[in-house]
Structures are given as structure tokens and as C-alpha cells.
Amino acid sequence: RKETFRGKRVVIVGTGETAMDLVFHAVQVAETVT
């Protein structure tokens, strides 16, 4: 769940479709996303 990222500084390693889905979730609730 994207709540895992709420308010966090998130770094995601990888560029597959799962990584892209996680980026989309993270940008909605995280403090920063890389």
C-alpha cells in the first residue's frame, strides 16, 4: 500500500513497470521521491 510512503523520503531502485507503479504511488504521499 502507498501509505508505506507517507511523509517519507523515498528512493526507488529499478525502472520496470513495478518501479513505475511505485513511483506513481510515492509521489502522491511522500515528502521526496528519487
PDB file of all heavy atoms in Angstrom:
ATOM      1  N   ARG A   1       0.822  -1.198   0.000  1.00  0.00           N
ATOM      2  CA  ARG A   1       0.000   0.000   0.000  1.00  0.00           C
ATOM      3  C   ARG A   1       0.864   1.259   0.000  1.00  0.00           C
ATOM      4  O   ARG A   1       1.946   1.283   0.590  1.00  0.00           O
ATOM      5  CB  ARG A   1      -0.926   0.025   1.228  1.00  0.00           C
ATOM      6  CG  ARG A   1      -1.848  -1.189   1.329  1.00  0.00           C
ATOM      7  CD  ARG A   1      -2.768  -1.081   2.523  1.00  0.00           C
ATOM      8  NE  ARG A   1      -3.665   0.054   2.414  1.00  0.00           N
ATOM      9  CZ  ARG A   1      -4.790   0.055   1.699  1.00  0.00           C
ATOM     10  NH1 ARG A   1      -5.151  -1.049   1.040  1.00  0.00           N
ATOM     11  NH2 ARG A   1      -5.549   1.126   1.637  1.00  0.00           N
ATOM     12  N   LYS A   2       0.348   2.326  -0.652  1.00  0.00           N
ATOM     13  CA  LYS A   2       1.126   3.561  -0.763  1.00  0.00           C
ATOM     14  C   LYS A   2       1.276   4.272   0.565  1.00  0.00           C
ATOM     15  O   LYS A   2       2.137   5.155   0.698  1.00  0.00           O
ATOM     16  CB  LYS A   2       0.512   4.489  -1.800  1.00  0.00           C
ATOM     17  CG  LYS A   2      -0.864   5.023  -1.451  1.00  0.00           C
ATOM     18  CD  LYS A   2      -1.391   5.860  -2.611  1.00  0.00           C
ATOM     19  CE  LYS A   2      -2.798   6.368  -2.347  1.00  0.00           C
ATOM     20  NZ  LYS A   2      -3.349   7.091  -3.528  1.00  0.00           N
ATOM     21  N   GLU A   3       0.465   3.925   1.564  1.00  0.00           N
ATOM     22  CA  GLU A   3       0.621   4.533   2.885  1.00  0.00           C
ATOM     23  C   GLU A   3       2.009   4.258   3.457  1.00  0.00           C
ATOM     24  O   GLU A   3       2.468   4.975   4.350  1.00  0.00           O
ATOM     25  CB  GLU A   3      -0.453   4.018   3.832  1.00  0.00           C
ATOM     26  CG  GLU A   3      -1.824   4.646   3.619  1.00  0.00           C
ATOM     27  CD  GLU A   3      -1.799   6.161   3.788  1.00  0.00           C
ATOM     28  OE1 GLU A   3      -1.241   6.627   4.807  1.00  0.00           O
ATOM     29  OE2 GLU A   3      -2.325   6.876   2.911  1.00  0.00           O
ATOM     30  N   THR A   4       2.662   3.212   2.947  1.00  0.00           N
ATOM     31  CA  THR A   4       4.033   2.910   3.361  1.00  0.00           C
ATOM     32  C   THR A   4       4.956   4.103   3.123  1.00  0.00           C
ATOM     33  O   THR A   4       5.934   4.303   3.857  1.00  0.00           O
ATOM     34  CB  THR A   4       4.565   1.694   2.583  1.00  0.00           C
ATOM     35  OG1 THR A   4       3.701   0.585   2.807  1.00  0.00           O
ATOM     36  CG2 THR A   4       5.978   1.324   2.991  1.00  0.00           C
ATOM     37  N   PHE A   5       4.631   4.923   2.111  1.00  0.00           N
ATOM     38  CA  PHE A   5       5.500   6.028   1.718  1.00  0.00           C
ATOM     39  C   PHE A   5       5.107   7.368   2.334  1.00  0.00           C
ATOM     40  O   PHE A   5       5.810   8.363   2.119  1.00  0.00           O
ATOM     41  CB  PHE A   5       5.484   6.187   0.197  1.00  0.00           C
ATOM     42  CG  PHE A   5       5.960   4.988  -0.567  1.00  0.00           C
ATOM     43  CD1 PHE A   5       5.295   4.570  -1.721  1.00  0.00           C
ATOM     44  CD2 PHE A   5       7.063   4.273  -0.148  1.00  0.00           C
ATOM     45  CE1 PHE A   5       5.746   3.476  -2.442  1.00  0.00           C
ATOM     46  CE2 PHE A   5       7.519   3.172  -0.855  1.00  0.00           C
ATOM     47  CZ  PHE A   5       6.859   2.773  -2.007  1.00  0.00           C
ATOM     48  N   ARG A   6       4.020   7.424   3.072  1.00  0.00           N
ATOM     49  CA  ARG A   6       3.504   8.725   3.513  1.00  0.00           C
ATOM     50  C   ARG A   6       4.533   9.470   4.368  1.00  0.00           C
ATOM     51  O   ARG A   6       5.034   8.963   5.370  1.00  0.00           O
ATOM     52  CB  ARG A   6       2.206   8.558   4.288  1.00  0.00           C
ATOM     53  CG  ARG A   6       1.597   9.908   4.727  1.00  0.00           C
ATOM     54  CD  ARG A   6       0.192   9.760   5.213  1.00  0.00           C
ATOM     55  NE  ARG A   6      -0.717   9.307   4.168  1.00  0.00           N
ATOM     56  CZ  ARG A   6      -1.257  10.092   3.236  1.00  0.00           C
ATOM     57  NH1 ARG A   6      -0.960  11.394   3.211  1.00  0.00           N
ATOM     58  NH2 ARG A   6      -2.078   9.592   2.339  1.00  0.00           N
ATOM     59  N   GLY A   7       4.843  10.702   3.930  1.00  0.00           N
ATOM     60  CA  GLY A   7       5.754  11.566   4.659  1.00  0.00           C
ATOM     61  C   GLY A   7       7.205  11.149   4.630  1.00  0.00           C
ATOM     62  O   GLY A   7       8.034  11.760   5.321  1.00  0.00           O
ATOM     63  N   LYS A   8       7.553  10.152   3.823  1.00  0.00           N
ATOM     64  CA  LYS A   8       8.917   9.627   3.809  1.00  0.00           C
ATOM     65  C   LYS A   8       9.725  10.216   2.641  1.00  0.00           C
ATOM     66  O   LYS A   8       9.186  10.710   1.652  1.00  0.00           O
ATOM     67  CB  LYS A   8       8.888   8.101   3.678  1.00  0.00           C
ATOM     68  CG  LYS A   8       8.112   7.378   4.758  1.00  0.00           C
ATOM     69  CD  LYS A   8       8.782   7.520   6.097  1.00  0.00           C
ATOM     70  CE  LYS A   8       8.051   6.751   7.189  1.00  0.00           C
ATOM     71  NZ  LYS A   8       7.989   5.305   6.948  1.00  0.00           N
ATOM     72  N   ARG A   9      11.042  10.129   2.798  1.00  0.00           N
ATOM     73  CA  ARG A   9      11.966  10.442   1.697  1.00  0.00           C
ATOM     74  C   ARG A   9      12.307   9.102   1.046  1.00  0.00           C
ATOM     75  O   ARG A   9      13.010   8.283   1.621  1.00  0.00           O
ATOM     76  CB  ARG A   9      13.210  11.137   2.238  1.00  0.00           C
ATOM     77  CG  ARG A   9      12.933  12.491   2.891  1.00  0.00           C
ATOM     78  CD  ARG A   9      14.119  12.999   3.684  1.00  0.00           C
ATOM     79  NE  ARG A   9      14.425  12.118   4.814  1.00  0.00           N
ATOM     80  CZ  ARG A   9      15.428  12.325   5.668  1.00  0.00           C
ATOM     81  NH1 ARG A   9      16.219  13.379   5.518  1.00  0.00           N
ATOM     82  NH2 ARG A   9      15.645  11.479   6.662  1.00  0.00           N
ATOM     83  N   VAL A  10      11.789   8.905  -0.154  1.00  0.00           N
ATOM     84  CA  VAL A  10      11.789   7.584  -0.779  1.00  0.00           C
ATOM     85  C   VAL A  10      12.782   7.535  -1.936  1.00  0.00           C
ATOM     86  O   VAL A  10      12.827   8.437  -2.781  1.00  0.00           O
ATOM     87  CB  VAL A  10      10.376   7.228  -1.295  1.00  0.00           C
ATOM     88  CG1 VAL A  10      10.374   5.855  -1.958  1.00  0.00           C
ATOM     89  CG2 VAL A  10       9.366   7.276  -0.152  1.00  0.00           C
ATOM     90  N   VAL A  11      13.571   6.464  -1.975  1.00  0.00           N
ATOM     91  CA  VAL A  11      14.440   6.171  -3.115  1.00  0.00           C
ATOM     92  C   VAL A  11      14.019   4.810  -3.661  1.00  0.00           C
ATOM     93  O   VAL A  11      13.951   3.819  -2.919  1.00  0.00           O
ATOM     94  CB  VAL A  11      15.927   6.141  -2.720  1.00  0.00           C
ATOM     95  CG1 VAL A  11      16.785   5.680  -3.898  1.00  0.00           C
ATOM     96  CG2 VAL A  11      16.374   7.525  -2.258  1.00  0.00           C
ATOM     97  N   ILE A  12      13.719   4.761  -4.959  1.00  0.00           N
ATOM     98  CA  ILE A  12      13.294   3.524  -5.619  1.00  0.00           C
ATOM     99  C   ILE A  12      14.362   3.141  -6.635  1.00  0.00           C
ATOM    100  O   ILE A  12      14.726   3.946  -7.502  1.00  0.00           O
ATOM    101  CB  ILE A  12      11.929   3.700  -6.298  1.00  0.00           C
ATOM    102  CG1 ILE A  12      10.866   4.002  -5.241  1.00  0.00           C
ATOM    103  CG2 ILE A  12      11.554   2.459  -7.104  1.00  0.00           C
ATOM    104  CD1 ILE A  12       9.505   4.327  -5.807  1.00  0.00           C
ATOM    105  N   VAL A  13      14.851   1.923  -6.533  1.00  0.00           N
ATOM    106  CA  VAL A  13      15.893   1.412  -7.428  1.00  0.00           C
ATOM    107  C   VAL A  13      15.243   0.491  -8.440  1.00  0.00           C
ATOM    108  O   VAL A  13      14.618  -0.505  -8.080  1.00  0.00           O
ATOM    109  CB  VAL A  13      16.971   0.647  -6.635  1.00  0.00           C
ATOM    110  CG1 VAL A  13      18.047   0.112  -7.580  1.00  0.00           C
ATOM    111  CG2 VAL A  13      17.585   1.545  -5.570  1.00  0.00           C
ATOM    112  N   GLY A  14      15.387   0.821  -9.733  1.00  0.00           N
ATOM    113  CA  GLY A  14      14.812  -0.015 -10.778  1.00  0.00           C
ATOM    114  C   GLY A  14      13.870   0.775 -11.659  1.00  0.00           C
ATOM    115  O   GLY A  14      13.302   1.797 -11.233  1.00  0.00           O
ATOM    116  N   THR A  15      13.681   0.319 -12.902  1.00  0.00           N
ATOM    117  CA  THR A  15      12.847   1.061 -13.846  1.00  0.00           C
ATOM    118  C   THR A  15      11.874   0.170 -14.598  1.00  0.00           C
ATOM    119  O   THR A  15      11.475   0.479 -15.722  1.00  0.00           O
ATOM    120  CB  THR A  15      13.738   1.811 -14.861  1.00  0.00           C
ATOM    121  OG1 THR A  15      14.626   0.865 -15.498  1.00  0.00           O
ATOM    122  CG2 THR A  15      14.545   2.892 -14.201  1.00  0.00           C
ATOM    123  N   GLY A  16      11.490  -0.951 -13.998  1.00  0.00           N
ATOM    124  CA  GLY A  16      10.477  -1.788 -14.617  1.00  0.00           C
ATOM    125  C   GLY A  16       9.092  -1.234 -14.343  1.00  0.00           C
ATOM    126  O   GLY A  16       8.915  -0.169 -13.723  1.00  0.00           O
ATOM    127  N   GLU A  17       8.083  -1.952 -14.779  1.00  0.00           N
ATOM    128  CA  GLU A  17       6.713  -1.480 -14.615  1.00  0.00           C
ATOM    129  C   GLU A  17       6.310  -1.411 -13.138  1.00  0.00           C
ATOM    130  O   GLU A  17       5.574  -0.512 -12.736  1.00  0.00           O
ATOM    131  CB  GLU A  17       5.768  -2.384 -15.413  1.00  0.00           C
ATOM    132  CG  GLU A  17       5.876  -2.110 -16.898  1.00  0.00           C
ATOM    133  CD  GLU A  17       5.304  -3.192 -17.782  1.00  0.00           C
ATOM    134  OE1 GLU A  17       5.209  -4.355 -17.325  1.00  0.00           O
ATOM    135  OE2 GLU A  17       4.965  -2.880 -18.934  1.00  0.00           O
ATOM    136  N   THR A  18       6.802  -2.345 -12.335  1.00  0.00           N
ATOM    137  CA  THR A  18       6.519  -2.270 -10.896  1.00  0.00           C
ATOM    138  C   THR A  18       7.131  -1.013 -10.296  1.00  0.00           C
ATOM    139  O   THR A  18       6.499  -0.313  -9.496  1.00  0.00           O
ATOM    140  CB  THR A  18       7.057  -3.518 -10.178  1.00  0.00           C
ATOM    141  OG1 THR A  18       6.359  -4.671 -10.655  1.00  0.00           O
ATOM    142  CG2 THR A  18       6.859  -3.405  -8.679  1.00  0.00           C
ATOM    143  N   ALA A  19       8.376  -0.711 -10.665  1.00  0.00           N
ATOM    144  CA  ALA A  19       9.023   0.504 -10.156  1.00  0.00           C
ATOM    145  C   ALA A  19       8.225   1.746 -10.532  1.00  0.00           C
ATOM    146  O   ALA A  19       8.048   2.662  -9.714  1.00  0.00           O
ATOM    147  CB  ALA A  19      10.448   0.601 -10.691  1.00  0.00           C
ATOM    148  N   MET A  20       7.724   1.791 -11.765  1.00  0.00           N
ATOM    149  CA  MET A  20       6.954   2.950 -12.198  1.00  0.00           C
ATOM    150  C   MET A  20       5.640   3.065 -11.424  1.00  0.00           C
ATOM    151  O   MET A  20       5.201   4.163 -11.076  1.00  0.00           O
ATOM    152  CB  MET A  20       6.659   2.855 -13.699  1.00  0.00           C
ATOM    153  CG  MET A  20       7.865   2.986 -14.597  1.00  0.00           C
ATOM    154  SD  MET A  20       8.707   4.585 -14.450  1.00  0.00           S
ATOM    155  CE  MET A  20      10.145   4.074 -13.513  1.00  0.00           C
ATOM    156  N   ASP A  21       5.000   1.930 -11.150  1.00  0.00           N
ATOM    157  CA  ASP A  21       3.786   1.965 -10.342  1.00  0.00           C
ATOM    158  C   ASP A  21       4.087   2.501  -8.949  1.00  0.00           C
ATOM    159  O   ASP A  21       3.326   3.301  -8.388  1.00  0.00           O
ATOM    160  CB  ASP A  21       3.191   0.557 -10.220  1.00  0.00           C
ATOM    161  CG  ASP A  21       2.497   0.101 -11.491  1.00  0.00           C
ATOM    162  OD1 ASP A  21       2.297   0.938 -12.393  1.00  0.00           O
ATOM    163  OD2 ASP A  21       2.163  -1.096 -11.592  1.00  0.00           O
ATOM    164  N   LEU A  22       5.204   2.060  -8.366  1.00  0.00           N
ATOM    165  CA  LEU A  22       5.562   2.505  -7.020  1.00  0.00           C
ATOM    166  C   LEU A  22       5.915   4.001  -6.992  1.00  0.00           C
ATOM    167  O   LEU A  22       5.602   4.710  -6.028  1.00  0.00           O
ATOM    168  CB  LEU A  22       6.723   1.675  -6.467  1.00  0.00           C
ATOM    169  CG  LEU A  22       6.308   0.436  -5.649  1.00  0.00           C
ATOM    170  CD1 LEU A  22       5.458  -0.511  -6.480  1.00  0.00           C
ATOM    171  CD2 LEU A  22       7.526  -0.272  -5.103  1.00  0.00           C
ATOM    172  N   VAL A  23       6.565   4.485  -8.054  1.00  0.00           N
ATOM    173  CA  VAL A  23       6.848   5.924  -8.148  1.00  0.00           C
ATOM    174  C   VAL A  23       5.536   6.708  -8.154  1.00  0.00           C
ATOM    175  O   VAL A  23       5.389   7.719  -7.453  1.00  0.00           O
ATOM    176  CB  VAL A  23       7.673   6.236  -9.407  1.00  0.00           C
ATOM    177  CG1 VAL A  23       7.703   7.745  -9.664  1.00  0.00           C
ATOM    178  CG2 VAL A  23       9.096   5.709  -9.266  1.00  0.00           C
ATOM    179  N   PHE A  24       4.567   6.224  -8.942  1.00  0.00           N
ATOM    180  CA  PHE A  24       3.274   6.918  -9.025  1.00  0.00           C
ATOM    181  C   PHE A  24       2.585   6.947  -7.667  1.00  0.00           C
ATOM    182  O   PHE A  24       1.993   7.960  -7.274  1.00  0.00           O
ATOM    183  CB  PHE A  24       2.380   6.225 -10.054  1.00  0.00           C
ATOM    184  CG  PHE A  24       1.043   6.883 -10.227  1.00  0.00           C
ATOM    185  CD1 PHE A  24       0.935   8.210 -10.597  1.00  0.00           C
ATOM    186  CD2 PHE A  24      -0.127   6.169  -9.999  1.00  0.00           C
ATOM    187  CE1 PHE A  24      -0.300   8.820 -10.753  1.00  0.00           C
ATOM    188  CE2 PHE A  24      -1.366   6.763 -10.142  1.00  0.00           C
ATOM    189  CZ  PHE A  24      -1.461   8.092 -10.522  1.00  0.00           C
ATOM    190  N   HIS A  25       2.678   5.863  -6.912  1.00  0.00           N
ATOM    191  CA  HIS A  25       2.112   5.845  -5.567  1.00  0.00           C
ATOM    192  C   HIS A  25       2.875   6.790  -4.641  1.00  0.00           C
ATOM    193  O   HIS A  25       2.274   7.537  -3.857  1.00  0.00           O
ATOM    194  CB  HIS A  25       2.162   4.424  -4.998  1.00  0.00           C
ATOM    195  CG  HIS A  25       1.166   3.495  -5.611  1.00  0.00           C
ATOM    196  ND1 HIS A  25       1.052   2.179  -5.242  1.00  0.00           N
ATOM    197  CD2 HIS A  25       0.232   3.687  -6.578  1.00  0.00           C
ATOM    198  CE1 HIS A  25       0.097   1.604  -5.946  1.00  0.00           C
ATOM    199  NE2 HIS A  25      -0.399   2.497  -6.768  1.00  0.00           N
ATOM    200  N   ALA A  26       4.198   6.750  -4.721  1.00  0.00           N
ATOM    201  CA  ALA A  26       5.024   7.518  -3.793  1.00  0.00           C
ATOM    202  C   ALA A  26       4.859   9.020  -3.974  1.00  0.00           C
ATOM    203  O   ALA A  26       4.802   9.764  -2.977  1.00  0.00           O
ATOM    204  CB  ALA A  26       6.492   7.120  -3.950  1.00  0.00           C
ATOM    205  N   VAL A  27       4.795   9.501  -5.221  1.00  0.00           N
ATOM    206  CA  VAL A  27       4.733  10.955  -5.430  1.00  0.00           C
ATOM    207  C   VAL A  27       3.461  11.554  -4.843  1.00  0.00           C
ATOM    208  O   VAL A  27       3.405  12.765  -4.573  1.00  0.00           O
ATOM    209  CB  VAL A  27       4.837  11.305  -6.938  1.00  0.00           C
ATOM    210  CG1 VAL A  27       6.184  10.914  -7.495  1.00  0.00           C
ATOM    211  CG2 VAL A  27       3.700  10.688  -7.736  1.00  0.00           C
ATOM    212  N   GLN A  28       2.451  10.740  -4.616  1.00  0.00           N
ATOM    213  CA  GLN A  28       1.185  11.245  -4.081  1.00  0.00           C
ATOM    214  C   GLN A  28       1.226  11.491  -2.579  1.00  0.00           C
ATOM    215  O   GLN A  28       0.461  12.310  -2.068  1.00  0.00           O
ATOM    216  CB  GLN A  28       0.056  10.256  -4.399  1.00  0.00           C
ATOM    217  CG  GLN A  28      -0.175  10.025  -5.884  1.00  0.00           C
ATOM    218  CD  GLN A  28      -1.210   8.943  -6.125  1.00  0.00           C
ATOM    219  OE1 GLN A  28      -2.298   8.954  -5.547  1.00  0.00           O
ATOM    220  NE2 GLN A  28      -0.892   7.983  -6.976  1.00  0.00           N
ATOM    221  N   VAL A  29       2.123  10.783  -1.867  1.00  0.00           N
ATOM    222  CA  VAL A  29       2.092  10.865  -0.393  1.00  0.00           C
ATOM    223  C   VAL A  29       3.449  11.113   0.237  1.00  0.00           C
ATOM    224  O   VAL A  29       3.528  11.464   1.426  1.00  0.00           O
ATOM    225  CB  VAL A  29       1.486   9.574   0.210  1.00  0.00           C
ATOM    226  CG1 VAL A  29       0.032   9.401  -0.230  1.00  0.00           C
ATOM    227  CG2 VAL A  29       2.310   8.347  -0.171  1.00  0.00           C
ATOM    228  N   ALA A  30       4.551  10.932  -0.499  1.00  0.00           N
ATOM    229  CA  ALA A  30       5.885  11.039   0.089  1.00  0.00           C
ATOM    230  C   ALA A  30       6.351  12.493   0.169  1.00  0.00           C
ATOM    231  O   ALA A  30       5.808  13.387  -0.494  1.00  0.00           O
ATOM    232  CB  ALA A  30       6.881  10.220  -0.726  1.00  0.00           C
ATOM    233  N   GLU A  31       7.390  12.714   0.968  1.00  0.00           N
ATOM    234  CA  GLU A  31       8.000  14.043   1.051  1.00  0.00           C
ATOM    235  C   GLU A  31       8.878  14.298  -0.162  1.00  0.00           C
ATOM    236  O   GLU A  31       8.809  15.361  -0.784  1.00  0.00           O
ATOM    237  CB  GLU A  31       8.822  14.153   2.332  1.00  0.00           C
ATOM    238  CG  GLU A  31       9.515  15.491   2.493  1.00  0.00           C
ATOM    239  CD  GLU A  31      10.351  15.557   3.751  1.00  0.00           C
ATOM    240  OE1 GLU A  31       9.985  14.879   4.745  1.00  0.00           O
ATOM    241  OE2 GLU A  31      11.372  16.276   3.756  1.00  0.00           O
ATOM    242  N   THR A  32       9.739  13.350  -0.500  1.00  0.00           N
ATOM    243  CA  THR A  32      10.558  13.418  -1.708  1.00  0.00           C
ATOM    244  C   THR A  32      10.612  12.027  -2.332  1.00  0.00           C
ATOM    245  O   THR A  32      10.488  11.011  -1.635  1.00  0.00           O
ATOM    246  CB  THR A  32      12.001  13.887  -1.411  1.00  0.00           C
ATOM    247  OG1 THR A  32      12.648  12.915  -0.562  1.00  0.00           O
ATOM    248  CG2 THR A  32      12.013  15.244  -0.739  1.00  0.00           C
ATOM    249  N   VAL A  33      10.822  11.998  -3.657  1.00  0.00           N
ATOM    250  CA  VAL A  33      10.917  10.725  -4.381  1.00  0.00           C
ATOM    251  C   VAL A  33      12.081  10.802  -5.354  1.00  0.00           C
ATOM    252  O   VAL A  33      12.214  11.770  -6.114  1.00  0.00           O
ATOM    253  CB  VAL A  33       9.622  10.400  -5.152  1.00  0.00           C
ATOM    254  CG1 VAL A  33       9.747   9.047  -5.853  1.00  0.00           C
ATOM    255  CG2 VAL A  33       8.414  10.414  -4.224  1.00  0.00           C
ATOM    256  N   THR A  34      12.930   9.787  -5.321  1.00  0.00           N
ATOM    257  CA  THR A  34      14.074   9.699  -6.225  1.00  0.00           C
ATOM    258  C   THR A  34      14.062   8.330  -6.890  1.00  0.00           C
ATOM    259  O   THR A  34      13.838   7.316  -6.226  1.00  0.00           O
ATOM    260  CB  THR A  34      15.401   9.878  -5.466  1.00  0.00           C
ATOM    261  OG1 THR A  34      15.379  11.144  -4.789  1.00  0.00           O
ATOM    262  CG2 THR A  34      16.591   9.830  -6.416  1.00  0.00           C
TER     263      THR A  34
END
